Amino acid sequence: MSFFVWLEGTALSEWVRGTPSLWGFPFILYLHTLGLALIAGLSTAVALGIVALPAQVKRSPLVQTFPLMWIGLAINAVSGLLLLIAYPAKALTNPVFYIKIIAIVIAVGIVQWLQQQLGGRNAVGVDAMGSDAIATADPGRLKRAAWTLIALWLVATLTGRFLAYTHSILLASMGDFR
């Protein structure tokens, strides 16, 4: 608990948690939602395109959304870290948080794999196969990955929402051990 007390006492943690400015917690939460819309929303749209479109259809419009997904992931990583710094004990003592993180890590791995299979640029900007490439993976495998991705984003979104209600400790520095 001493680490949580220390982190909660840092200027950044206190500012995120306590500033009356809209640029603090409300804006960071907005950014987290925006990042979620970009990474989870767009990758779910790609997954639904994989499930709904015939395998012969060129998927270059889908491939074009991957750069926005990676921007969304970056926004979520930064805003999520700020939210974690604001309430470290609330998140890090809650098993729901770890379920969320595991779902996100696996989902991001599937997004990266789908990007490679659909022939887009990967996260570091290397063009795998050209923007008009047709998926080279087995269509059945692509569809299974797409359904798995949709399920993982559902788990990540729900567990993220549950974090507001399932914690046993809000602030370690206040001895808040419910």
Foldseek 3Di string as FASTA:
>chain_A
DVVLLVLLPDPLLCCLQPPPDCVHVVVLVVLLVVLLCLQLVLLLVLLVCLVPPDLPDFDLVSLVSVVSNLVSVVSNVVSVVSVCSNFVLLQVVDVLNVLLVVLVVVLVVLSQVVSLQSQHQGPVGDGNHDSRDRGPDDSVVSNVSSVSNNVSSVSNVVSVVCSVPPGQAGGVNVVRGD
